[in-house]
Amino acid sequence: MTREFQTIRILFADCSKEEVSLALHELGKEAAHFDVKSVDGKAEFKKALAEFNPSVVVANCASDHSENLYKLKFVRSCPSFVI
């Protein structure tokens, strides 16, 4: 029996290349199918939410606190996301 996987679209916001690489390495262990986009800043974040339509958003919580609060509030305001 062949297992079919749904592609998971992951948006990394303000994460370093090392953080993204580590996350992808761990995800690869589960043989998941995923598309990845990495962005920096509010404008890129908003554009990626609209155009990339991610399944999951991963944000660097160690970065600027006000930026992270903005991202959380913005995602909460989008009806297509569940938090």
Protein backbone atom coordinates (compact mmCIF):
# COMPACT_ATOMS: atom_id res chain seq x y z
CA MET A 1 0.00 0.00 0.00
CA THR A 2 1.40 3.40 -0.99
CA ARG A 3 1.15 6.22 1.53
CA GLU A 4 0.15 9.57 0.15
CA PHE A 5 1.35 12.69 1.89
CA GLN A 6 -0.19 16.10 1.77
CA THR A 7 2.35 18.81 1.06
CA ILE A 8 2.88 21.02 4.11
CA ARG A 9 3.68 24.65 3.28
CA ILE A 10 5.96 26.15 5.94
CA LEU A 11 6.61 29.87 6.25
CA PHE A 12 9.66 30.78 8.34
CA ALA A 13 9.53 34.38 9.56
CA ASP A 14 12.71 36.12 10.71
CA CYS A 15 14.54 32.83 11.26
CA SER A 16 18.26 32.42 10.61
CA LYS A 17 19.51 30.11 7.87
CA GLU A 18 20.76 27.76 10.60
CA GLU A 19 17.33 27.60 12.26
CA VAL A 20 15.62 26.86 8.96
CA SER A 21 18.23 24.23 8.09
CA LEU A 22 17.81 22.47 11.45
CA ALA A 23 14.02 22.46 11.15
CA LEU A 24 14.18 21.04 7.62
CA HIS A 25 16.64 18.38 8.75
CA GLU A 26 14.25 17.27 11.49
CA LEU A 27 11.24 17.35 9.18
CA GLY A 28 13.11 15.24 6.65
CA LYS A 29 13.40 12.46 9.24
CA GLU A 30 9.62 12.07 9.07
CA ALA A 31 9.64 11.81 5.27
CA ALA A 32 7.10 14.59 5.05
CA HIS A 33 6.51 16.49 1.84
CA PHE A 34 6.93 20.20 2.34
CA ASP A 35 7.42 23.51 0.55
CA VAL A 36 9.34 26.18 2.40
CA LYS A 37 9.56 29.95 2.22
CA SER A 38 11.67 32.15 4.47
CA VAL A 39 10.98 35.88 4.90
CA ASP A 40 12.22 38.83 6.93
CA GLY A 41 10.16 41.83 8.01
CA LYS A 42 6.49 42.78 8.09
CA ALA A 43 6.02 43.52 4.40
CA GLU A 44 7.51 40.20 3.23
CA PHE A 45 5.56 38.37 5.94
CA LYS A 46 2.19 39.80 4.87
CA LYS A 47 2.93 39.15 1.20
CA ALA A 48 3.98 35.55 1.89
CA LEU A 49 0.81 34.86 3.89
CA ALA A 50 -1.29 35.99 0.94
CA GLU A 51 0.72 34.46 -1.90
CA PHE A 52 2.41 31.38 -0.39
CA ASN A 53 -0.65 30.36 1.66
CA PRO A 54 1.30 28.47 4.36
CA SER A 55 -0.02 25.56 6.38
CA VAL A 56 2.32 26.46 9.24
CA VAL A 57 4.08 29.66 10.30
CA VAL A 58 7.32 29.41 12.28
CA ALA A 59 8.57 32.68 13.78
CA ASN A 60 11.78 33.36 15.63
CA CYS A 61 10.60 34.24 19.13
CA ALA A 62 14.06 35.47 20.12
CA SER A 63 13.90 38.32 17.61
CA ASP A 64 12.21 41.70 18.09
CA HIS A 65 9.28 41.25 20.51
CA SER A 66 7.07 43.90 18.86
CA GLU A 67 7.56 42.29 15.43
CA ASN A 68 6.46 38.92 16.81
CA LEU A 69 3.37 40.38 18.46
CA TYR A 70 2.48 42.06 15.19
CA LYS A 71 2.82 38.76 13.31
CA LEU A 72 0.71 36.89 15.85
CA LYS A 73 -2.06 39.53 15.76
CA PHE A 74 -1.98 39.61 11.97
CA VAL A 75 -2.24 35.83 11.64
CA ARG A 76 -5.06 35.76 14.19
CA SER A 77 -6.96 38.27 12.05
CA CYS A 78 -6.81 35.96 9.02
CA PRO A 79 -9.86 33.70 8.94
CA SER A 80 -8.01 30.89 7.17
CA PHE A 81 -5.53 30.28 10.03
CA VAL A 82 -6.07 28.33 13.23
CA ILE A 83 -3.88 29.16 16.21
